[in-house]
């Protein structure tokens, strides 16, 4: 599943992999699945990356994987 892919990719780049959580939520308007990504407060910079490049790359990989399964997925990086 694409939620597991996002979690695995994120755990590989953060300092606190145990704090990574991915919560899927179905957006009923258009059937897209919204994946809410939460990481440790100190790891937000690593997940976002310089100029948002890491976040963009994570979103791209997840969207391509979802497209192969005929799904529409959005990644939301949640800042608590």
PDB file of N, CA and C in Angstrom:
ATOM      1  N   UNK A   1       0.837  -1.186   0.000  1.00  0.00           N
ATOM      2  CA  UNK A   1       0.000   0.000   0.000  1.00  0.00           C
ATOM      3  C   UNK A   1       0.879   1.246   0.000  1.00  0.00           C
ATOM      4  N   UNK A   2       0.359   2.344  -0.528  1.00  0.00           N
ATOM      5  CA  UNK A   2       1.157   3.550  -0.656  1.00  0.00           C
ATOM      6  C   UNK A   2       1.434   4.217   0.694  1.00  0.00           C
ATOM      7  N   UNK A   3       0.575   4.009   1.678  1.00  0.00           N
ATOM      8  CA  UNK A   3       0.820   4.569   3.009  1.00  0.00           C
ATOM      9  C   UNK A   3       2.069   3.931   3.619  1.00  0.00           C
ATOM     10  N   UNK A   4       2.232   2.641   3.417  1.00  0.00           N
ATOM     11  CA  UNK A   4       3.418   1.949   3.922  1.00  0.00           C
ATOM     12  C   UNK A   4       4.674   2.437   3.202  1.00  0.00           C
ATOM     13  N   UNK A   5       4.558   2.679   1.900  1.00  0.00           N
ATOM     14  CA  UNK A   5       5.689   3.194   1.132  1.00  0.00           C
ATOM     15  C   UNK A   5       6.118   4.546   1.673  1.00  0.00           C
ATOM     16  N   UNK A   6       5.160   5.446   1.897  1.00  0.00           N
ATOM     17  CA  UNK A   6       5.477   6.768   2.434  1.00  0.00           C
ATOM     18  C   UNK A   6       6.141   6.649   3.806  1.00  0.00           C
ATOM     19  N   UNK A   7       5.617   5.785   4.651  1.00  0.00           N
ATOM     20  CA  UNK A   7       6.209   5.587   5.972  1.00  0.00           C
ATOM     21  C   UNK A   7       7.623   5.056   5.895  1.00  0.00           C
ATOM     22  N   UNK A   8       7.861   4.077   5.031  1.00  0.00           N
ATOM     23  CA  UNK A   8       9.195   3.502   4.897  1.00  0.00           C
ATOM     24  C   UNK A   8      10.201   4.522   4.367  1.00  0.00           C
ATOM     25  N   UNK A   9       9.807   5.283   3.356  1.00  0.00           N
ATOM     26  CA  UNK A   9      10.692   6.304   2.796  1.00  0.00           C
ATOM     27  C   UNK A   9      11.021   7.372   3.835  1.00  0.00           C
ATOM     28  N   UNK A  10      10.024   7.776   4.597  1.00  0.00           N
ATOM     29  CA  UNK A  10      10.228   8.815   5.606  1.00  0.00           C
ATOM     30  C   UNK A  10      11.108   8.311   6.735  1.00  0.00           C
ATOM     31  N   UNK A  11      10.873   7.076   7.175  1.00  0.00           N
ATOM     32  CA  UNK A  11      11.698   6.516   8.259  1.00  0.00           C
ATOM     33  C   UNK A  11      13.173   6.433   7.872  1.00  0.00           C
ATOM     34  N   UNK A  12      13.438   6.291   6.587  1.00  0.00           N
ATOM     35  CA  UNK A  12      14.819   6.176   6.119  1.00  0.00           C
ATOM     36  C   UNK A  12      15.572   7.505   6.176  1.00  0.00           C
ATOM     37  N   UNK A  13      14.870   8.626   6.224  1.00  0.00           N
ATOM     38  CA  UNK A  13      15.573   9.914   6.178  1.00  0.00           C
ATOM     39  C   UNK A  13      15.533  10.702   7.483  1.00  0.00           C
ATOM     40  N   UNK A  14      14.766  10.261   8.477  1.00  0.00           N
ATOM     41  CA  UNK A  14      14.646  11.019   9.723  1.00  0.00           C
ATOM     42  C   UNK A  14      15.541  10.433  10.812  1.00  0.00           C
ATOM     43  N   UNK A  15      15.756  11.229  11.864  1.00  0.00           N
ATOM     44  CA  UNK A  15      16.558  10.770  13.007  1.00  0.00           C
ATOM     45  C   UNK A  15      15.739   9.934  13.987  1.00  0.00           C
ATOM     46  N   UNK A  16      14.440  10.183  14.056  1.00  0.00           N
ATOM     47  CA  UNK A  16      13.551   9.469  14.977  1.00  0.00           C
ATOM     48  C   UNK A  16      12.519   8.671  14.176  1.00  0.00           C
ATOM     49  N   UNK A  17      12.915   7.512  13.622  1.00  0.00           N
ATOM     50  CA  UNK A  17      11.984   6.756  12.774  1.00  0.00           C
ATOM     51  C   UNK A  17      10.768   6.206  13.526  1.00  0.00           C
ATOM     52  N   UNK A  18      10.879   6.028  14.834  1.00  0.00           N
ATOM     53  CA  UNK A  18       9.752   5.509  15.606  1.00  0.00           C
ATOM     54  C   UNK A  18       8.624   6.529  15.742  1.00  0.00           C
ATOM     55  N   UNK A  19       8.932   7.801  15.510  1.00  0.00           N
ATOM     56  CA  UNK A  19       7.925   8.858  15.650  1.00  0.00           C
ATOM     57  C   UNK A  19       7.138   9.084  14.364  1.00  0.00           C
ATOM     58  N   UNK A  20       7.488   8.392  13.287  1.00  0.00           N
ATOM     59  CA  UNK A  20       6.808   8.577  11.998  1.00  0.00           C
ATOM     60  C   UNK A  20       5.471   7.850  12.013  1.00  0.00           C
ATOM     61  N   UNK A  21       4.410   8.598  11.681  1.00  0.00           N
ATOM     62  CA  UNK A  21       3.088   7.984  11.533  1.00  0.00           C
ATOM     63  C   UNK A  21       2.451   8.490  10.239  1.00  0.00           C
ATOM     64  N   UNK A  22       1.781   7.585   9.561  1.00  0.00           N
ATOM     65  CA  UNK A  22       1.053   7.918   8.346  1.00  0.00           C
ATOM     66  C   UNK A  22      -0.391   7.500   8.565  1.00  0.00           C
ATOM     67  N   UNK A  23      -1.298   8.470   8.498  1.00  0.00           N
ATOM     68  CA  UNK A  23      -2.710   8.211   8.724  1.00  0.00           C
ATOM     69  C   UNK A  23      -3.476   8.435   7.424  1.00  0.00           C
ATOM     70  N   UNK A  24      -4.034   7.379   6.834  1.00  0.00           N
ATOM     71  CA  UNK A  24      -4.833   7.575   5.622  1.00  0.00           C
ATOM     72  C   UNK A  24      -6.238   8.073   5.959  1.00  0.00           C
ATOM     73  N   UNK A  25      -6.734   8.976   5.134  1.00  0.00           N
ATOM     74  CA  UNK A  25      -8.075   9.525   5.306  1.00  0.00           C
ATOM     75  C   UNK A  25      -8.677   9.695   3.919  1.00  0.00           C
ATOM     76  N   UNK A  26      -9.881   9.207   3.713  1.00  0.00           N
ATOM     77  CA  UNK A  26     -10.512   9.278   2.398  1.00  0.00           C
ATOM     78  C   UNK A  26     -11.232  10.610   2.252  1.00  0.00           C
ATOM     79  N   UNK A  27     -10.887  11.328   1.208  1.00  0.00           N
ATOM     80  CA  UNK A  27     -11.569  12.570   0.867  1.00  0.00           C
ATOM     81  C   UNK A  27     -12.755  12.199  -0.009  1.00  0.00           C
ATOM     82  N   UNK A  28     -13.955  12.315   0.524  1.00  0.00           N
ATOM     83  CA  UNK A  28     -15.135  11.820  -0.171  1.00  0.00           C
ATOM     84  C   UNK A  28     -15.530  12.660  -1.382  1.00  0.00           C
ATOM     85  N   UNK A  29     -15.032  13.867  -1.506  1.00  0.00           N
ATOM     86  CA  UNK A  29     -15.409  14.724  -2.628  1.00  0.00           C
ATOM     87  C   UNK A  29     -15.017  14.112  -3.968  1.00  0.00           C
ATOM     88  N   UNK A  30     -13.779  13.678  -4.074  1.00  0.00           N
ATOM     89  CA  UNK A  30     -13.320  13.129  -5.354  1.00  0.00           C
ATOM     90  C   UNK A  30     -12.726  11.733  -5.233  1.00  0.00           C
ATOM     91  N   UNK A  31     -12.827  11.124  -4.062  1.00  0.00           N
ATOM     92  CA  UNK A  31     -12.333   9.769  -3.884  1.00  0.00           C
ATOM     93  C   UNK A  31     -10.843   9.658  -3.650  1.00  0.00           C
ATOM     94  N   UNK A  32     -10.163  10.778  -3.526  1.00  0.00           N
ATOM     95  CA  UNK A  32      -8.722  10.747  -3.276  1.00  0.00           C
ATOM     96  C   UNK A  32      -8.454  10.346  -1.827  1.00  0.00           C
ATOM     97  N   UNK A  33      -7.319   9.726  -1.614  1.00  0.00           N
ATOM     98  CA  UNK A  33      -6.893   9.363  -0.271  1.00  0.00           C
ATOM     99  C   UNK A  33      -5.864  10.395   0.181  1.00  0.00           C
ATOM    100  N   UNK A  34      -6.099  10.984   1.330  1.00  0.00           N
ATOM    101  CA  UNK A  34      -5.162  11.948   1.900  1.00  0.00           C
ATOM    102  C   UNK A  34      -4.328  11.223   2.944  1.00  0.00           C
ATOM    103  N   UNK A  35      -3.023  11.220   2.761  1.00  0.00           N
ATOM    104  CA  UNK A  35      -2.114  10.597   3.725  1.00  0.00           C
ATOM    105  C   UNK A  35      -1.533  11.701   4.599  1.00  0.00           C
ATOM    106  N   UNK A  36      -1.846  11.660   5.884  1.00  0.00           N
ATOM    107  CA  UNK A  36      -1.312  12.638   6.824  1.00  0.00           C
ATOM    108  C   UNK A  36      -0.024  12.089   7.417  1.00  0.00           C
ATOM    109  N   UNK A  37       1.069  12.781   7.170  1.00  0.00           N
ATOM    110  CA  UNK A  37       2.385  12.361   7.629  1.00  0.00           C
ATOM    111  C   UNK A  37       2.787  13.191   8.836  1.00  0.00           C
ATOM    112  N   UNK A  38       3.103  12.503   9.927  1.00  0.00           N
ATOM    113  CA  UNK A  38       3.576  13.174  11.137  1.00  0.00           C
ATOM    114  C   UNK A  38       4.951  12.625  11.496  1.00  0.00           C
ATOM    115  N   UNK A  39       5.857  13.538  11.860  1.00  0.00           N
ATOM    116  CA  UNK A  39       7.204  13.157  12.278  1.00  0.00           C
ATOM    117  C   UNK A  39       7.550  13.907  13.550  1.00  0.00           C
ATOM    118  N   UNK A  40       8.657  13.542  14.154  1.00  0.00           N
ATOM    119  CA  UNK A  40       9.147  14.223  15.341  1.00  0.00           C
ATOM    120  C   UNK A  40       9.417  15.690  15.002  1.00  0.00           C
ATOM    121  N   UNK A  41       9.207  16.550  15.959  1.00  0.00           N
ATOM    122  CA  UNK A  41       9.369  17.993  15.733  1.00  0.00           C
ATOM    123  C   UNK A  41      10.742  18.342  15.159  1.00  0.00           C
ATOM    124  N   UNK A  42      11.774  17.657  15.585  1.00  0.00           N
ATOM    125  CA  UNK A  42      13.125  17.939  15.096  1.00  0.00           C
ATOM    126  C   UNK A  42      13.399  17.422  13.693  1.00  0.00           C
ATOM    127  N   UNK A  43      12.508  16.619  13.154  1.00  0.00           N
ATOM    128  CA  UNK A  43      12.712  16.025  11.831  1.00  0.00           C
ATOM    129  C   UNK A  43      11.946  16.716  10.706  1.00  0.00           C
ATOM    130  N   UNK A  44      11.162  17.743  11.021  1.00  0.00           N
ATOM    131  CA  UNK A  44      10.394  18.412   9.971  1.00  0.00           C
ATOM    132  C   UNK A  44      11.292  19.000   8.897  1.00  0.00           C
ATOM    133  N   UNK A  45      12.421  19.538   9.300  1.00  0.00           N
ATOM    134  CA  UNK A  45      13.353  20.107   8.320  1.00  0.00           C
ATOM    135  C   UNK A  45      13.878  19.064   7.350  1.00  0.00           C
ATOM    136  N   UNK A  46      14.122  17.865   7.838  1.00  0.00           N
ATOM    137  CA  UNK A  46      14.609  16.797   6.970  1.00  0.00           C
ATOM    138  C   UNK A  46      13.534  16.324   6.007  1.00  0.00           C
ATOM    139  N   UNK A  47      12.289  16.303   6.464  1.00  0.00           N
ATOM    140  CA  UNK A  47      11.194  15.839   5.617  1.00  0.00           C
ATOM    141  C   UNK A  47      10.852  16.891   4.556  1.00  0.00           C
ATOM    142  N   UNK A  48      10.910  18.159   4.927  1.00  0.00           N
ATOM    143  CA  UNK A  48      10.621  19.228   3.971  1.00  0.00           C
ATOM    144  C   UNK A  48      11.791  19.403   3.009  1.00  0.00           C
ATOM    145  N   UNK A  49      13.000  19.444   3.538  1.00  0.00           N
ATOM    146  CA  UNK A  49      14.182  19.592   2.701  1.00  0.00           C
ATOM    147  C   UNK A  49      14.405  21.030   2.270  1.00  0.00           C
ATOM    148  N   UNK A  50      15.534  21.265   1.670  1.00  0.00           N
ATOM    149  CA  UNK A  50      15.888  22.610   1.223  1.00  0.00           C
ATOM    150  C   UNK A  50      14.975  23.013   0.078  1.00  0.00           C
ATOM    151  N   UNK A  51      14.251  24.076   0.299  1.00  0.00           N
ATOM    152  CA  UNK A  51      13.346  24.564  -0.725  1.00  0.00           C
ATOM    153  C   UNK A  51      12.165  23.638  -0.993  1.00  0.00           C
ATOM    154  N   UNK A  52      11.913  22.696  -0.084  1.00  0.00           N
ATOM    155  CA  UNK A  52      10.795  21.783  -0.257  1.00  0.00           C
ATOM    156  C   UNK A  52      11.080  20.622  -1.192  1.00  0.00           C
ATOM    157  N   UNK A  53      12.330  20.429  -1.551  1.00  0.00           N
ATOM    158  CA  UNK A  53      12.677  19.386  -2.523  1.00  0.00           C
ATOM    159  C   UNK A  53      12.399  17.973  -2.018  1.00  0.00           C
ATOM    160  N   UNK A  54      12.700  17.705  -0.766  1.00  0.00           N
ATOM    161  CA  UNK A  54      12.472  16.360  -0.233  1.00  0.00           C
ATOM    162  C   UNK A  54      10.978  16.061  -0.160  1.00  0.00           C
ATOM    163  N   UNK A  55      10.195  17.021   0.305  1.00  0.00           N
ATOM    164  CA  UNK A  55       8.749  16.832   0.365  1.00  0.00           C
ATOM    165  C   UNK A  55       8.184  16.615  -1.034  1.00  0.00           C
ATOM    166  N   UNK A  56       8.668  17.373  -1.998  1.00  0.00           N
ATOM    167  CA  UNK A  56       8.209  17.230  -3.380  1.00  0.00           C
ATOM    168  C   UNK A  56       8.551  15.833  -3.913  1.00  0.00           C
ATOM    169  N   UNK A  57       9.755  15.357  -3.610  1.00  0.00           N
ATOM    170  CA  UNK A  57      10.176  14.034  -4.068  1.00  0.00           C
ATOM    171  C   UNK A  57       9.333  12.934  -3.424  1.00  0.00           C
ATOM    172  N   UNK A  58       9.074  13.046  -2.124  1.00  0.00           N
ATOM    173  CA  UNK A  58       8.227  12.062  -1.441  1.00  0.00           C
ATOM    174  C   UNK A  58       6.829  12.028  -2.060  1.00  0.00           C
ATOM    175  N   UNK A  59       6.276  13.201  -2.291  1.00  0.00           N
ATOM    176  CA  UNK A  59       4.934  13.272  -2.884  1.00  0.00           C
ATOM    177  C   UNK A  59       4.918  12.663  -4.286  1.00  0.00           C
ATOM    178  N   UNK A  60       5.968  12.927  -5.058  1.00  0.00           N
ATOM    179  CA  UNK A  60       6.035  12.406  -6.422  1.00  0.00           C
ATOM    180  C   UNK A  60       6.094  10.886  -6.435  1.00  0.00           C
ATOM    181  N   UNK A  61       6.941  10.305  -5.611  1.00  0.00           N
ATOM    182  CA  UNK A  61       7.076   8.846  -5.565  1.00  0.00           C
ATOM    183  C   UNK A  61       5.767   8.197  -5.131  1.00  0.00           C
ATOM    184  N   UNK A  62       5.117   8.765  -4.125  1.00  0.00           N
ATOM    185  CA  UNK A  62       3.862   8.204  -3.632  1.00  0.00           C
ATOM    186  C   UNK A  62       2.762   8.335  -4.684  1.00  0.00           C
ATOM    187  N   UNK A  63       2.699   9.472  -5.371  1.00  0.00           N
ATOM    188  CA  UNK A  63       1.677   9.655  -6.409  1.00  0.00           C
ATOM    189  C   UNK A  63       1.874   8.683  -7.566  1.00  0.00           C
ATOM    190  N   UNK A  64       3.107   8.433  -7.957  1.00  0.00           N
ATOM    191  CA  UNK A  64       3.378   7.483  -9.045  1.00  0.00           C
ATOM    192  C   UNK A  64       2.997   6.069  -8.616  1.00  0.00           C
ATOM    193  N   UNK A  65       3.350   5.692  -7.395  1.00  0.00           N
ATOM    194  CA  UNK A  65       2.984   4.362  -6.902  1.00  0.00           C
ATOM    195  C   UNK A  65       1.468   4.206  -6.841  1.00  0.00           C
ATOM    196  N   UNK A  66       0.771   5.251  -6.431  1.00  0.00           N
ATOM    197  CA  UNK A  66      -0.689   5.199  -6.366  1.00  0.00           C
ATOM    198  C   UNK A  66      -1.292   5.140  -7.763  1.00  0.00           C
ATOM    199  N   UNK A  67      -0.708   5.834  -8.710  1.00  0.00           N
ATOM    200  CA  UNK A  67      -1.226   5.831 -10.079  1.00  0.00           C
ATOM    201  C   UNK A  67      -1.154   4.440 -10.685  1.00  0.00           C
ATOM    202  N   UNK A  68      -0.138   3.680 -10.322  1.00  0.00           N
ATOM    203  CA  UNK A  68      -0.032   2.303 -10.807  1.00  0.00           C
ATOM    204  C   UNK A  68      -1.156   1.418 -10.262  1.00  0.00           C
ATOM    205  N   UNK A  69      -1.768   1.846  -9.174  1.00  0.00           N
ATOM    206  CA  UNK A  69      -2.886   1.108  -8.581  1.00  0.00           C
ATOM    207  C   UNK A  69      -4.215   1.800  -8.886  1.00  0.00           C
ATOM    208  N   UNK A  70      -4.199   2.732  -9.819  1.00  0.00           N
ATOM    209  CA  UNK A  70      -5.388   3.499 -10.202  1.00  0.00           C
ATOM    210  C   UNK A  70      -6.025   4.207  -9.011  1.00  0.00           C
ATOM    211  N   UNK A  71      -5.183   4.811  -8.172  1.00  0.00           N
ATOM    212  CA  UNK A  71      -5.639   5.574  -7.017  1.00  0.00           C
ATOM    213  C   UNK A  71      -5.158   7.013  -7.143  1.00  0.00           C
ATOM    214  N   UNK A  72      -5.805   7.892  -6.435  1.00  0.00           N
ATOM    215  CA  UNK A  72      -5.373   9.288  -6.344  1.00  0.00           C
ATOM    216  C   UNK A  72      -5.015   9.551  -4.892  1.00  0.00           C
ATOM    217  N   UNK A  73      -3.785   9.997  -4.664  1.00  0.00           N
ATOM    218  CA  UNK A  73      -3.291  10.180  -3.305  1.00  0.00           C
ATOM    219  C   UNK A  73      -2.697  11.571  -3.150  1.00  0.00           C
ATOM    220  N   UNK A  74      -2.992  12.187  -2.019  1.00  0.00           N
ATOM    221  CA  UNK A  74      -2.402  13.471  -1.642  1.00  0.00           C
ATOM    222  C   UNK A  74      -1.639  13.271  -0.347  1.00  0.00           C
ATOM    223  N   UNK A  75      -0.467  13.877  -0.240  1.00  0.00           N
ATOM    224  CA  UNK A  75       0.343  13.768   0.976  1.00  0.00           C
ATOM    225  C   UNK A  75       0.299  15.099   1.706  1.00  0.00           C
ATOM    226  N   UNK A  76      -0.101  15.046   2.970  1.00  0.00           N
ATOM    227  CA  UNK A  76      -0.186  16.234   3.812  1.00  0.00           C
ATOM    228  C   UNK A  76       0.783  16.059   4.970  1.00  0.00           C
ATOM    229  N   UNK A  77       1.795  16.906   5.026  1.00  0.00           N
ATOM    230  CA  UNK A  77       2.764  16.859   6.128  1.00  0.00           C
ATOM    231  C   UNK A  77       2.210  17.731   7.244  1.00  0.00           C
ATOM    232  N   UNK A  78       1.816  17.079   8.346  1.00  0.00           N
ATOM    233  CA  UNK A  78       1.112  17.748   9.426  1.00  0.00           C
ATOM    234  C   UNK A  78       2.099  18.246  10.470  1.00  0.00           C
ATOM    235  N   UNK A  79       1.965  19.517  10.823  1.00  0.00           N
ATOM    236  CA  UNK A  79       2.793  20.131  11.859  1.00  0.00           C
ATOM    237  C   UNK A  79       1.914  20.320  13.083  1.00  0.00           C
ATOM    238  N   UNK A  80       2.153  19.514  14.110  1.00  0.00           N
ATOM    239  CA  UNK A  80       1.317  19.595  15.329  1.00  0.00           C
ATOM    240  C   UNK A  80       1.745  20.720  16.225  1.00  0.00           C
TER     241      UNK A  80
END
